[in-house]
Structures are given as C-alpha cells and as structure tokens.
Amino acid sequence: MGFLASLWLPILLSAVAVFVVSSIIHMVLNYHKSDFKKLPNEDGIMEALRKFSIPPGDYHMPYCSSSKDMKDPAFTEKLNKGPVGLMTILPSGQFSMGKSLVLWFVFCLIVSLFAAYIGDRAVGPGGNYLQVFRFVGCSAFMGYAFAQMQNSIWYGRRWGTTLLVMFDGLIFALVTAGIFGWLWPKM
C-alpha cells in the first residue's frame, strides 16, 4: 500500500473528474436516452404487476431453480409461450439519486485505486507520461467497461446499449490516464 502515499492525489482527482464527466454525459449530452424503451400499455402492465406487491429485487420469467427443472415440460411450455424476461423491481416512490451518486463515486475511487496499483507495479516512480497513460488507462478501461459485456452475453441487453456504456468507460479511462500521467511522481 506504499503507492497510496504518492498516488493519493491522482486517485482522488481522477475519481472526481470521472464523476463530473459522467454527469455531463448523462445530463447534458443525453446520448443514453434510448438505452431503455417504454413498454406498450405501460399503465396496464404497471397496474397488473401492482396487485402482486413484488418486493424490490431481480427476477427472471419463467423461473426455474435448477437445470433439472429446465427439462420439465411445464417450464418448456412457459418458455415457448412467453414472454421471457428479466426485470429489476425498485422500491416505489421517488428515486433518490443521493445513494446512487455516493456509490458511483466510491466505485470511481476503487477503479482509480486499482489502476494506480497496476500503474505503480508496471511503471514505478519516475515513469514517463506515455507509459503511465498506457498502463493506467488500460486498467481503468477494464474496470469501467469490460464487465458491461456480461449484460449482453447473459442477460440479453442490447449490444448497442452495452457498446455505448463501454464507450463511456473509454472516456472515463482516458480521463483517468491523463490525470495519472500528469501527476505521476517523479524520481
């Protein structure tokens, strides 16, 4: 953890910068507005689901608890009849951004922390800007972008949405790498 003493400033500044850039992307540039679609007859679907008082959580329909259950004819019939879907139910009421923003900032700090560690191990103090940029940028990109592909591979998220979020990850990685390159400790 010795790297923290010399890299705390770029860790903190890069997390703040990514936080600000992500806010600009979502509030000003607005290119994520097509990530989700409106359900047909949204009011009817919401009314139909409301009577079940579904607690917040992640759900799969039809659901089966084992690979053995997947061979059950009743499950196969439900699967073929449809709809097949995944859904996340959130608590009712106004959405509070405070907790999500705090968790997003903590995530940005964690990505910057790991990028700092990898950069320190790969380059060490006194590394030049381009070396630092390469290692820290690649590490930050992996932290911000690669896990997004799982959502398309396993959960059917549109690849266009996933690639757009990965593009955000590239921007965040470039910002992170630039700050680390600029503030990298000299010998």
N, C-alpha and C. Protein backbone atom coordinates (compact mmCIF):
# COMPACT_ATOMS: atom_id res chain seq x y z
N MET A 1 0.81 -1.20 0.00
CA MET A 1 0.00 0.00 0.00
C MET A 1 0.85 1.26 0.00
N GLY A 2 2.16 1.11 -0.19
CA GLY A 2 3.04 2.26 -0.21
C GLY A 2 2.73 3.21 -1.36
N PHE A 3 2.16 2.71 -2.43
CA PHE A 3 1.84 3.54 -3.58
C PHE A 3 0.78 4.61 -3.24
N LEU A 4 -0.02 4.35 -2.21
CA LEU A 4 -1.06 5.31 -1.82
C LEU A 4 -0.48 6.65 -1.39
N ALA A 5 0.67 6.61 -0.74
CA ALA A 5 1.28 7.85 -0.26
C ALA A 5 1.63 8.78 -1.42
N SER A 6 2.09 8.22 -2.52
CA SER A 6 2.50 9.07 -3.64
C SER A 6 1.41 9.24 -4.70
N LEU A 7 0.37 8.40 -4.66
CA LEU A 7 -0.65 8.47 -5.72
C LEU A 7 -2.05 8.84 -5.23
N TRP A 8 -2.15 9.28 -3.98
CA TRP A 8 -3.48 9.61 -3.45
C TRP A 8 -4.14 10.75 -4.23
N LEU A 9 -3.34 11.74 -4.66
CA LEU A 9 -3.92 12.87 -5.37
C LEU A 9 -4.48 12.47 -6.74
N PRO A 10 -3.72 11.76 -7.59
CA PRO A 10 -4.34 11.36 -8.87
C PRO A 10 -5.50 10.38 -8.69
N ILE A 11 -5.45 9.54 -7.63
CA ILE A 11 -6.58 8.64 -7.36
C ILE A 11 -7.83 9.47 -7.10
N LEU A 12 -7.71 10.44 -6.21
CA LEU A 12 -8.86 11.27 -5.83
C LEU A 12 -9.31 12.16 -6.99
N LEU A 13 -8.38 12.84 -7.65
CA LEU A 13 -8.74 13.75 -8.75
C LEU A 13 -9.35 13.01 -9.93
N SER A 14 -8.83 11.83 -10.25
CA SER A 14 -9.39 11.09 -11.38
C SER A 14 -10.80 10.61 -11.06
N ALA A 15 -11.05 10.22 -9.82
CA ALA A 15 -12.41 9.81 -9.43
C ALA A 15 -13.36 11.00 -9.52
N VAL A 16 -12.93 12.16 -9.06
CA VAL A 16 -13.76 13.36 -9.15
C VAL A 16 -14.00 13.72 -10.62
N ALA A 17 -12.96 13.67 -11.43
CA ALA A 17 -13.09 14.02 -12.85
C ALA A 17 -14.05 13.07 -13.58
N VAL A 18 -13.93 11.76 -13.32
CA VAL A 18 -14.83 10.79 -13.94
C VAL A 18 -16.27 11.04 -13.48
N PHE A 19 -16.44 11.35 -12.21
CA PHE A 19 -17.76 11.67 -11.67
C PHE A 19 -18.37 12.85 -12.42
N VAL A 20 -17.59 13.90 -12.63
CA VAL A 20 -18.07 15.09 -13.34
C VAL A 20 -18.35 14.77 -14.80
N VAL A 21 -17.43 14.08 -15.47
CA VAL A 21 -17.61 13.72 -16.88
C VAL A 21 -18.86 12.85 -17.05
N SER A 22 -19.07 11.89 -16.16
CA SER A 22 -20.25 11.03 -16.28
C SER A 22 -21.53 11.84 -16.07
N SER A 23 -21.48 12.84 -15.21
CA SER A 23 -22.65 13.71 -15.01
C SER A 23 -22.94 14.50 -16.29
N ILE A 24 -21.91 14.99 -16.94
CA ILE A 24 -22.07 15.72 -18.20
C ILE A 24 -22.66 14.80 -19.26
N ILE A 25 -22.13 13.58 -19.34
CA ILE A 25 -22.62 12.63 -20.33
C ILE A 25 -24.12 12.38 -20.14
N HIS A 26 -24.53 12.17 -18.90
CA HIS A 26 -25.93 11.80 -18.65
C HIS A 26 -26.89 12.98 -18.58
N MET A 27 -26.41 14.16 -18.19
CA MET A 27 -27.33 15.28 -18.02
C MET A 27 -27.28 16.28 -19.18
N VAL A 28 -26.18 16.34 -19.89
CA VAL A 28 -26.05 17.33 -20.95
C VAL A 28 -26.06 16.67 -22.33
N LEU A 29 -25.21 15.68 -22.53
CA LEU A 29 -25.09 15.06 -23.86
C LEU A 29 -26.29 14.18 -24.19
N ASN A 30 -26.85 13.54 -23.18
CA ASN A 30 -28.12 12.79 -23.33
C ASN A 30 -28.11 11.68 -24.37
N TYR A 31 -26.97 11.14 -24.74
CA TYR A 31 -26.99 10.08 -25.75
C TYR A 31 -27.39 8.71 -25.19
N HIS A 32 -27.70 8.64 -23.91
CA HIS A 32 -28.18 7.38 -23.32
C HIS A 32 -29.69 7.31 -23.24
N LYS A 33 -30.40 8.30 -23.78
CA LYS A 33 -31.85 8.31 -23.61
C LYS A 33 -32.55 7.16 -24.33
N SER A 34 -31.88 6.48 -25.25
CA SER A 34 -32.51 5.35 -25.92
C SER A 34 -32.07 4.01 -25.32
N ASP A 35 -31.39 4.03 -24.17
CA ASP A 35 -30.96 2.78 -23.53
C ASP A 35 -32.15 1.90 -23.13
N PHE A 36 -33.25 2.52 -22.75
CA PHE A 36 -34.44 1.79 -22.33
C PHE A 36 -35.61 2.21 -23.21
N LYS A 37 -36.56 1.31 -23.37
CA LYS A 37 -37.75 1.58 -24.16
C LYS A 37 -38.97 1.56 -23.25
N LYS A 38 -40.00 2.25 -23.68
CA LYS A 38 -41.27 2.26 -22.96
C LYS A 38 -42.05 1.00 -23.34
N LEU A 39 -42.61 0.36 -22.34
CA LEU A 39 -43.46 -0.80 -22.58
C LEU A 39 -44.75 -0.38 -23.27
N PRO A 40 -45.26 -1.22 -24.18
CA PRO A 40 -46.58 -0.92 -24.72
C PRO A 40 -47.60 -1.06 -23.58
N ASN A 41 -48.57 -0.17 -23.53
CA ASN A 41 -49.58 -0.17 -22.47
C ASN A 41 -48.93 -0.20 -21.09
N GLU A 42 -47.99 0.72 -20.89
CA GLU A 42 -47.25 0.80 -19.62
C GLU A 42 -48.18 0.85 -18.41
N ASP A 43 -49.23 1.67 -18.50
CA ASP A 43 -50.15 1.80 -17.37
C ASP A 43 -50.82 0.47 -17.05
N GLY A 44 -51.25 -0.25 -18.07
CA GLY A 44 -51.90 -1.55 -17.87
C GLY A 44 -50.96 -2.57 -17.26
N ILE A 45 -49.72 -2.59 -17.74
CA ILE A 45 -48.73 -3.54 -17.22
C ILE A 45 -48.40 -3.19 -15.77
N MET A 46 -48.21 -1.91 -15.48
CA MET A 46 -47.92 -1.50 -14.09
C MET A 46 -49.08 -1.85 -13.17
N GLU A 47 -50.31 -1.62 -13.63
CA GLU A 47 -51.48 -1.95 -12.82
C GLU A 47 -51.56 -3.46 -12.58
N ALA A 48 -51.27 -4.25 -13.62
CA ALA A 48 -51.32 -5.71 -13.47
C ALA A 48 -50.27 -6.19 -12.47
N LEU A 49 -49.07 -5.62 -12.49
CA LEU A 49 -48.00 -6.04 -11.57
C LEU A 49 -48.23 -5.52 -10.15
N ARG A 50 -48.85 -4.35 -10.04
CA ARG A 50 -49.05 -3.72 -8.74
C ARG A 50 -49.77 -4.63 -7.76
N LYS A 51 -50.75 -5.39 -8.23
CA LYS A 51 -51.55 -6.22 -7.32
C LYS A 51 -50.75 -7.36 -6.69
N PHE A 52 -49.56 -7.65 -7.21
CA PHE A 52 -48.74 -8.72 -6.66
C PHE A 52 -47.79 -8.24 -5.56
N SER A 53 -47.68 -6.93 -5.38
CA SER A 53 -46.78 -6.36 -4.36
C SER A 53 -45.39 -7.00 -4.42
N ILE A 54 -44.80 -6.99 -5.59
CA ILE A 54 -43.50 -7.63 -5.80
C ILE A 54 -42.43 -6.84 -5.04
N PRO A 55 -41.70 -7.49 -4.14
CA PRO A 55 -40.64 -6.77 -3.41
C PRO A 55 -39.48 -6.42 -4.34
N PRO A 56 -38.75 -5.34 -4.02
CA PRO A 56 -37.59 -4.99 -4.84
C PRO A 56 -36.64 -6.17 -5.00
N GLY A 57 -36.11 -6.32 -6.20
CA GLY A 57 -35.17 -7.41 -6.48
C GLY A 57 -35.08 -7.67 -7.97
N ASP A 58 -34.29 -8.67 -8.32
CA ASP A 58 -34.11 -9.09 -9.71
C ASP A 58 -34.89 -10.37 -9.94
N TYR A 59 -35.60 -10.41 -11.07
CA TYR A 59 -36.47 -11.54 -11.36
C TYR A 59 -36.25 -12.04 -12.78
N HIS A 60 -36.48 -13.33 -12.97
CA HIS A 60 -36.39 -13.97 -14.28
C HIS A 60 -37.70 -14.70 -14.50
N MET A 61 -38.28 -14.55 -15.70
CA MET A 61 -39.50 -15.29 -16.01
C MET A 61 -39.41 -15.92 -17.37
N PRO A 62 -39.81 -17.15 -17.50
CA PRO A 62 -40.18 -18.04 -16.41
C PRO A 62 -38.95 -18.41 -15.59
N TYR A 63 -39.18 -18.75 -14.36
CA TYR A 63 -38.09 -19.07 -13.44
C TYR A 63 -38.02 -20.57 -13.21
N CYS A 64 -36.78 -21.07 -13.13
CA CYS A 64 -36.57 -22.45 -12.70
C CYS A 64 -35.36 -22.45 -11.77
N SER A 65 -35.39 -23.33 -10.80
CA SER A 65 -34.34 -23.29 -9.77
C SER A 65 -33.17 -24.23 -10.05
N SER A 66 -33.27 -25.06 -11.10
CA SER A 66 -32.16 -25.98 -11.39
C SER A 66 -32.19 -26.37 -12.86
N SER A 67 -31.10 -26.96 -13.31
CA SER A 67 -31.06 -27.43 -14.70
C SER A 67 -32.04 -28.58 -14.91
N LYS A 68 -32.31 -29.33 -13.86
CA LYS A 68 -33.29 -30.42 -13.94
C LYS A 68 -34.68 -29.83 -14.24
N ASP A 69 -35.00 -28.72 -13.57
CA ASP A 69 -36.30 -28.07 -13.79
C ASP A 69 -36.44 -27.54 -15.22
N MET A 70 -35.33 -27.25 -15.87
CA MET A 70 -35.38 -26.73 -17.24
C MET A 70 -35.94 -27.77 -18.21
N LYS A 71 -35.87 -29.04 -17.84
CA LYS A 71 -36.37 -30.12 -18.70
C LYS A 71 -37.85 -30.44 -18.44
N ASP A 72 -38.39 -29.82 -17.41
CA ASP A 72 -39.79 -30.03 -17.06
C ASP A 72 -40.68 -29.48 -18.20
N PRO A 73 -41.62 -30.29 -18.71
CA PRO A 73 -42.49 -29.83 -19.81
C PRO A 73 -43.28 -28.56 -19.46
N ALA A 74 -43.65 -28.40 -18.21
CA ALA A 74 -44.38 -27.19 -17.82
C ALA A 74 -43.50 -25.95 -17.99
N PHE A 75 -42.23 -26.07 -17.63
CA PHE A 75 -41.30 -24.95 -17.80
C PHE A 75 -41.10 -24.66 -19.29
N THR A 76 -40.89 -25.70 -20.08
CA THR A 76 -40.68 -25.54 -21.52
C THR A 76 -41.89 -24.86 -22.16
N GLU A 77 -43.08 -25.24 -21.71
CA GLU A 77 -44.30 -24.62 -22.25
C GLU A 77 -44.34 -23.12 -21.93
N LYS A 78 -44.02 -22.77 -20.68
CA LYS A 78 -43.98 -21.36 -20.29
C LYS A 78 -42.95 -20.60 -21.12
N LEU A 79 -41.78 -21.24 -21.32
CA LEU A 79 -40.70 -20.62 -22.08
C LEU A 79 -41.15 -20.35 -23.52
N ASN A 80 -41.78 -21.33 -24.13
CA ASN A 80 -42.22 -21.19 -25.52
C ASN A 80 -43.40 -20.22 -25.66
N LYS A 81 -44.26 -20.19 -24.67
CA LYS A 81 -45.44 -19.32 -24.72
C LYS A 81 -45.05 -17.86 -24.51
N GLY A 82 -44.04 -17.63 -23.62
CA GLY A 82 -43.57 -16.28 -23.35
C GLY A 82 -44.56 -15.48 -22.53
N PRO A 83 -44.25 -14.25 -22.21
CA PRO A 83 -42.98 -13.60 -22.51
C PRO A 83 -41.85 -14.14 -21.63
N VAL A 84 -40.64 -14.04 -22.15
CA VAL A 84 -39.44 -14.41 -21.42
C VAL A 84 -38.74 -13.10 -21.08
N GLY A 85 -38.35 -12.94 -19.83
CA GLY A 85 -37.74 -11.67 -19.50
C GLY A 85 -37.01 -11.66 -18.18
N LEU A 86 -36.27 -10.61 -18.01
CA LEU A 86 -35.58 -10.29 -16.77
C LEU A 86 -36.09 -8.93 -16.36
N MET A 87 -36.28 -8.73 -15.07
CA MET A 87 -36.69 -7.42 -14.63
C MET A 87 -36.14 -7.13 -13.25
N THR A 88 -35.90 -5.87 -13.03
CA THR A 88 -35.48 -5.39 -11.72
C THR A 88 -36.60 -4.52 -11.19
N ILE A 89 -37.07 -4.85 -10.01
CA ILE A 89 -38.11 -4.07 -9.36
C ILE A 89 -37.42 -3.19 -8.31
N LEU A 90 -37.66 -1.91 -8.39
CA LEU A 90 -37.11 -0.94 -7.44
C LEU A 90 -38.19 -0.58 -6.42
N PRO A 91 -37.79 -0.01 -5.29
CA PRO A 91 -38.80 0.43 -4.33
C PRO A 91 -39.70 1.51 -4.95
N SER A 92 -40.97 1.50 -4.59
CA SER A 92 -41.90 2.52 -5.08
C SER A 92 -41.54 3.88 -4.50
N GLY A 93 -41.97 4.91 -5.19
CA GLY A 93 -41.73 6.28 -4.72
C GLY A 93 -40.65 6.97 -5.52
N GLN A 94 -40.37 8.19 -5.11
CA GLN A 94 -39.35 8.99 -5.79
C GLN A 94 -38.01 8.28 -5.73
N PHE A 95 -37.29 8.32 -6.84
CA PHE A 95 -35.96 7.73 -6.91
C PHE A 95 -34.97 8.69 -6.28
N SER A 96 -34.23 8.21 -5.27
CA SER A 96 -33.24 9.04 -4.59
C SER A 96 -31.88 8.87 -5.26
N MET A 97 -31.39 9.95 -5.83
CA MET A 97 -30.11 9.90 -6.52
C MET A 97 -28.92 9.91 -5.55
N GLY A 98 -29.14 10.40 -4.33
CA GLY A 98 -28.05 10.57 -3.38
C GLY A 98 -27.24 9.30 -3.16
N LYS A 99 -27.90 8.21 -2.80
CA LYS A 99 -27.20 6.96 -2.52
C LYS A 99 -26.47 6.45 -3.77
N SER A 100 -27.14 6.51 -4.92
CA SER A 100 -26.51 6.04 -6.16
C SER A 100 -25.29 6.87 -6.52
N LEU A 101 -25.38 8.18 -6.34
CA LEU A 101 -24.23 9.05 -6.64
C LEU A 101 -23.05 8.78 -5.71
N VAL A 102 -23.34 8.55 -4.44
CA VAL A 102 -22.27 8.22 -3.49
C VAL A 102 -21.62 6.89 -3.88
N LEU A 103 -22.44 5.89 -4.19
CA LEU A 103 -21.89 4.59 -4.59
C LEU A 103 -21.11 4.67 -5.90
N TRP A 104 -21.58 5.49 -6.84
CA TRP A 104 -20.85 5.69 -8.10
C TRP A 104 -19.48 6.33 -7.83
N PHE A 105 -19.43 7.32 -6.94
CA PHE A 105 -18.16 7.95 -6.61
C PHE A 105 -17.21 6.95 -5.93
N VAL A 106 -17.73 6.14 -5.03
CA VAL A 106 -16.91 5.11 -4.38
C VAL A 106 -16.38 4.13 -5.43
N PHE A 107 -17.22 3.75 -6.38
CA PHE A 107 -16.78 2.87 -7.47
C PHE A 107 -15.65 3.54 -8.27
N CYS A 108 -15.80 4.82 -8.59
CA CYS A 108 -14.75 5.55 -9.32
C CYS A 108 -13.44 5.55 -8.53
N LEU A 109 -13.53 5.74 -7.21
CA LEU A 109 -12.33 5.67 -6.37
C LEU A 109 -11.68 4.29 -6.43
N ILE A 110 -12.50 3.25 -6.39
CA ILE A 110 -11.98 1.88 -6.43
C ILE A 110 -11.28 1.60 -7.75
N VAL A 111 -11.89 2.00 -8.86
CA VAL A 111 -11.25 1.81 -10.17
C VAL A 111 -9.93 2.55 -10.21
N SER A 112 -9.91 3.80 -9.74
CA SER A 112 -8.66 4.58 -9.74
C SER A 112 -7.61 3.97 -8.81
N LEU A 113 -8.05 3.42 -7.70
CA LEU A 113 -7.13 2.75 -6.77
C LEU A 113 -6.44 1.56 -7.43
N PHE A 114 -7.22 0.72 -8.10
CA PHE A 114 -6.62 -0.45 -8.77
C PHE A 114 -5.77 -0.03 -9.96
N ALA A 115 -6.21 0.99 -10.69
CA ALA A 115 -5.40 1.49 -11.81
C ALA A 115 -4.07 2.04 -11.29
N ALA A 116 -4.11 2.71 -10.14
CA ALA A 116 -2.88 3.23 -9.52
C ALA A 116 -1.95 2.10 -9.13
N TYR A 117 -2.51 1.06 -8.52
CA TYR A 117 -1.70 -0.08 -8.11
C TYR A 117 -1.02 -0.73 -9.31
N ILE A 118 -1.80 -0.97 -10.37
CA ILE A 118 -1.23 -1.61 -11.57
C ILE A 118 -0.19 -0.70 -12.21
N GLY A 119 -0.50 0.60 -12.29
CA GLY A 119 0.48 1.54 -12.84
C GLY A 119 1.75 1.58 -12.02
N ASP A 120 1.62 1.57 -10.71
CA ASP A 120 2.79 1.59 -9.83
C ASP A 120 3.64 0.33 -10.02
N ARG A 121 3.00 -0.82 -10.10
CA ARG A 121 3.73 -2.08 -10.28
C ARG A 121 4.37 -2.16 -11.66
N ALA A 122 3.69 -1.64 -12.68
CA ALA A 122 4.20 -1.76 -14.06
C ALA A 122 5.22 -0.69 -14.41
N VAL A 123 5.04 0.53 -13.90
CA VAL A 123 5.88 1.65 -14.30
C VAL A 123 6.79 2.10 -13.18
N GLY A 124 6.24 2.26 -11.99
CA GLY A 124 7.02 2.75 -10.86
C GLY A 124 7.23 4.24 -10.92
N PRO A 125 7.75 4.81 -9.84
CA PRO A 125 8.01 6.25 -9.80
C PRO A 125 8.97 6.66 -10.90
N GLY A 126 8.73 7.83 -11.44
CA GLY A 126 9.61 8.36 -12.48
C GLY A 126 9.26 7.92 -13.88
N GLY A 127 8.20 7.14 -14.03
CA GLY A 127 7.80 6.71 -15.37
C GLY A 127 7.35 7.90 -16.22
N ASN A 128 7.51 7.76 -17.53
CA ASN A 128 7.10 8.88 -18.38
C ASN A 128 5.59 8.86 -18.62
N TYR A 129 5.10 9.98 -19.10
CA TYR A 129 3.66 10.18 -19.27
C TYR A 129 3.02 9.06 -20.09
N LEU A 130 3.63 8.70 -21.21
CA LEU A 130 3.03 7.70 -22.10
C LEU A 130 2.98 6.31 -21.45
N GLN A 131 4.01 5.93 -20.72
CA GLN A 131 4.00 4.64 -20.02
C GLN A 131 2.86 4.61 -19.00
N VAL A 132 2.78 5.65 -18.20
CA VAL A 132 1.74 5.74 -17.18
C VAL A 132 0.37 5.72 -17.84
N PHE A 133 0.21 6.52 -18.89
CA PHE A 133 -1.06 6.60 -19.60
C PHE A 133 -1.50 5.23 -20.10
N ARG A 134 -0.58 4.49 -20.67
CA ARG A 134 -0.91 3.15 -21.21
C ARG A 134 -1.40 2.20 -20.14
N PHE A 135 -0.64 2.04 -19.07
CA PHE A 135 -0.99 1.05 -18.05
C PHE A 135 -2.20 1.47 -17.23
N VAL A 136 -2.22 2.72 -16.81
CA VAL A 136 -3.36 3.21 -16.01
C VAL A 136 -4.61 3.25 -16.87
N GLY A 137 -4.49 3.72 -18.10
CA GLY A 137 -5.65 3.79 -19.00
C GLY A 137 -6.24 2.43 -19.29
N CYS A 138 -5.39 1.46 -19.58
CA CYS A 138 -5.87 0.10 -19.86
C CYS A 138 -6.54 -0.49 -18.62
N SER A 139 -5.94 -0.30 -17.47
CA SER A 139 -6.52 -0.82 -16.22
C SER A 139 -7.87 -0.16 -15.93
N ALA A 140 -7.94 1.15 -16.09
CA ALA A 140 -9.20 1.86 -15.83
C ALA A 140 -10.26 1.44 -16.84
N PHE A 141 -9.88 1.24 -18.09
CA PHE A 141 -10.84 0.80 -19.10
C PHE A 141 -11.43 -0.56 -18.73
N MET A 142 -10.57 -1.46 -18.28
CA MET A 142 -11.08 -2.77 -17.86
C MET A 142 -12.07 -2.61 -16.71
N GLY A 143 -11.75 -1.72 -15.77
CA GLY A 143 -12.63 -1.51 -14.62
C GLY A 143 -13.96 -0.89 -14.99
N TYR A 144 -13.95 0.05 -15.91
CA TYR A 144 -15.18 0.75 -16.27
C TYR A 144 -15.99 0.05 -17.37
N ALA A 145 -15.34 -0.73 -18.22
CA ALA A 145 -16.04 -1.19 -19.42
C ALA A 145 -16.25 -2.68 -19.57
N PHE A 146 -15.26 -3.50 -19.27
CA PHE A 146 -15.36 -4.91 -19.64
C PHE A 146 -16.53 -5.66 -19.01
N ALA A 147 -16.85 -5.37 -17.77
CA ALA A 147 -17.93 -6.10 -17.10
C ALA A 147 -19.28 -5.82 -17.76
N GLN A 148 -19.38 -4.74 -18.52
CA GLN A 148 -20.65 -4.41 -19.18
C GLN A 148 -21.06 -5.48 -20.19
N MET A 149 -20.09 -6.15 -20.79
CA MET A 149 -20.40 -7.15 -21.81
C MET A 149 -21.22 -8.32 -21.25
N GLN A 150 -21.06 -8.60 -19.97
CA GLN A 150 -21.83 -9.70 -19.36
C GLN A 150 -23.32 -9.47 -19.49
N ASN A 151 -23.74 -8.21 -19.43
CA ASN A 151 -25.17 -7.92 -19.51
C ASN A 151 -25.76 -8.30 -20.87
N SER A 152 -24.97 -8.17 -21.93
CA SER A 152 -25.44 -8.59 -23.25
C SER A 152 -25.27 -10.09 -23.45
N ILE A 153 -24.18 -10.63 -22.95
CA ILE A 153 -23.92 -12.07 -23.13
C ILE A 153 -24.95 -12.90 -22.38
N TRP A 154 -25.20 -12.59 -21.12
CA TRP A 154 -26.04 -13.44 -20.28
C TRP A 154 -27.45 -12.95 -20.09
N TYR A 155 -27.68 -11.64 -20.16
CA TYR A 155 -28.99 -11.11 -19.80
C TYR A 155 -29.75 -10.46 -20.95
N GLY A 156 -29.22 -10.58 -22.16
CA GLY A 156 -29.95 -10.12 -23.33
C GLY A 156 -30.02 -8.61 -23.52
N ARG A 157 -29.19 -7.87 -22.82
CA ARG A 157 -29.18 -6.42 -23.04
C ARG A 157 -28.75 -6.13 -24.46
N ARG A 158 -29.36 -5.14 -25.08
CA ARG A 158 -29.00 -4.78 -26.45
C ARG A 158 -27.50 -4.47 -26.52
N TRP A 159 -26.82 -5.02 -27.54
CA TRP A 159 -25.39 -4.78 -27.70
C TRP A 159 -25.12 -3.30 -27.95
N GLY A 160 -26.03 -2.60 -28.61
CA GLY A 160 -25.84 -1.17 -28.84
C GLY A 160 -25.73 -0.40 -27.54
N THR A 161 -26.58 -0.74 -26.56
CA THR A 161 -26.53 -0.10 -25.25
C THR A 161 -25.23 -0.44 -24.54
N THR A 162 -24.85 -1.71 -24.59
CA THR A 162 -23.61 -2.14 -23.94
C THR A 162 -22.40 -1.43 -24.55
N LEU A 163 -22.35 -1.33 -25.86
CA LEU A 163 -21.21 -0.66 -26.52
C LEU A 163 -21.18 0.82 -26.19
N LEU A 164 -22.35 1.43 -26.04
CA LEU A 164 -22.40 2.84 -25.66
C LEU A 164 -21.87 3.04 -24.24
N VAL A 165 -22.24 2.16 -23.34
CA VAL A 165 -21.73 2.24 -21.96
C VAL A 165 -20.23 1.96 -21.93
N MET A 166 -19.77 1.05 -22.79
CA MET A 166 -18.32 0.79 -22.88
C MET A 166 -17.59 2.01 -23.46
N PHE A 167 -18.23 2.72 -24.36
CA PHE A 167 -17.65 3.96 -24.88
C PHE A 167 -17.47 4.97 -23.75
N ASP A 168 -18.48 5.06 -22.87
CA ASP A 168 -18.34 5.91 -21.67
C ASP A 168 -17.12 5.46 -20.88
N GLY A 169 -16.96 4.13 -20.73
CA GLY A 169 -15.81 3.58 -20.00
C GLY A 169 -14.49 4.00 -20.62
N LEU A 170 -14.46 4.06 -21.95
CA LEU A 170 -13.25 4.51 -22.64
C LEU A 170 -12.96 5.98 -22.30
N ILE A 171 -13.99 6.80 -22.32
CA ILE A 171 -13.82 8.22 -21.95
C ILE A 171 -13.31 8.33 -20.52
N PHE A 172 -13.92 7.58 -19.60
CA PHE A 172 -13.50 7.61 -18.20
C PHE A 172 -12.05 7.15 -18.05
N ALA A 173 -11.67 6.13 -18.82
CA ALA A 173 -10.30 5.62 -18.76
C ALA A 173 -9.31 6.65 -19.28
N LEU A 174 -9.65 7.34 -20.36
CA LEU A 174 -8.76 8.37 -20.91
C LEU A 174 -8.59 9.52 -19.93
N VAL A 175 -9.67 9.92 -19.28
CA VAL A 175 -9.59 10.98 -18.27
C VAL A 175 -8.69 10.54 -17.12
N THR A 176 -8.92 9.32 -16.64
CA THR A 176 -8.13 8.77 -15.54
C THR A 176 -6.65 8.70 -15.93
N ALA A 177 -6.36 8.16 -17.11
CA ALA A 177 -4.98 8.01 -17.56
C ALA A 177 -4.30 9.37 -17.70
N GLY A 178 -5.03 10.35 -18.23
CA GLY A 178 -4.45 11.69 -18.39
C GLY A 178 -4.07 12.32 -17.05
N ILE A 179 -4.94 12.17 -16.07
CA ILE A 179 -4.65 12.74 -14.75
C ILE A 179 -3.47 12.04 -14.09
N PHE A 180 -3.43 10.72 -14.20
CA PHE A 180 -2.30 9.98 -13.62
C PHE A 180 -1.00 10.34 -14.33
N GLY A 181 -1.04 10.42 -15.67
CA GLY A 181 0.17 10.79 -16.41
C GLY A 181 0.68 12.16 -15.99
N TRP A 182 -0.21 13.09 -15.79
CA TRP A 182 0.11 14.47 -15.40
C TRP A 182 0.68 14.52 -13.99
N LEU A 183 0.11 13.75 -13.05
CA LEU A 183 0.50 13.85 -11.64
C LEU A 183 1.40 12.69 -11.16
N TRP A 184 1.92 11.91 -12.11
CA TRP A 184 2.76 10.77 -11.72
C TRP A 184 4.01 11.24 -10.99
N PRO A 185 4.35 10.57 -9.90
CA PRO A 185 5.52 11.02 -9.12
C PRO A 185 6.84 10.89 -9.90
N LYS A 186 7.65 11.92 -9.76
CA LYS A 186 8.98 11.93 -10.37
C LYS A 186 9.94 11.18 -9.47
N MET A 187 11.09 10.85 -9.96
CA MET A 187 12.10 10.15 -9.15
C MET A 187 12.67 11.05 -8.10
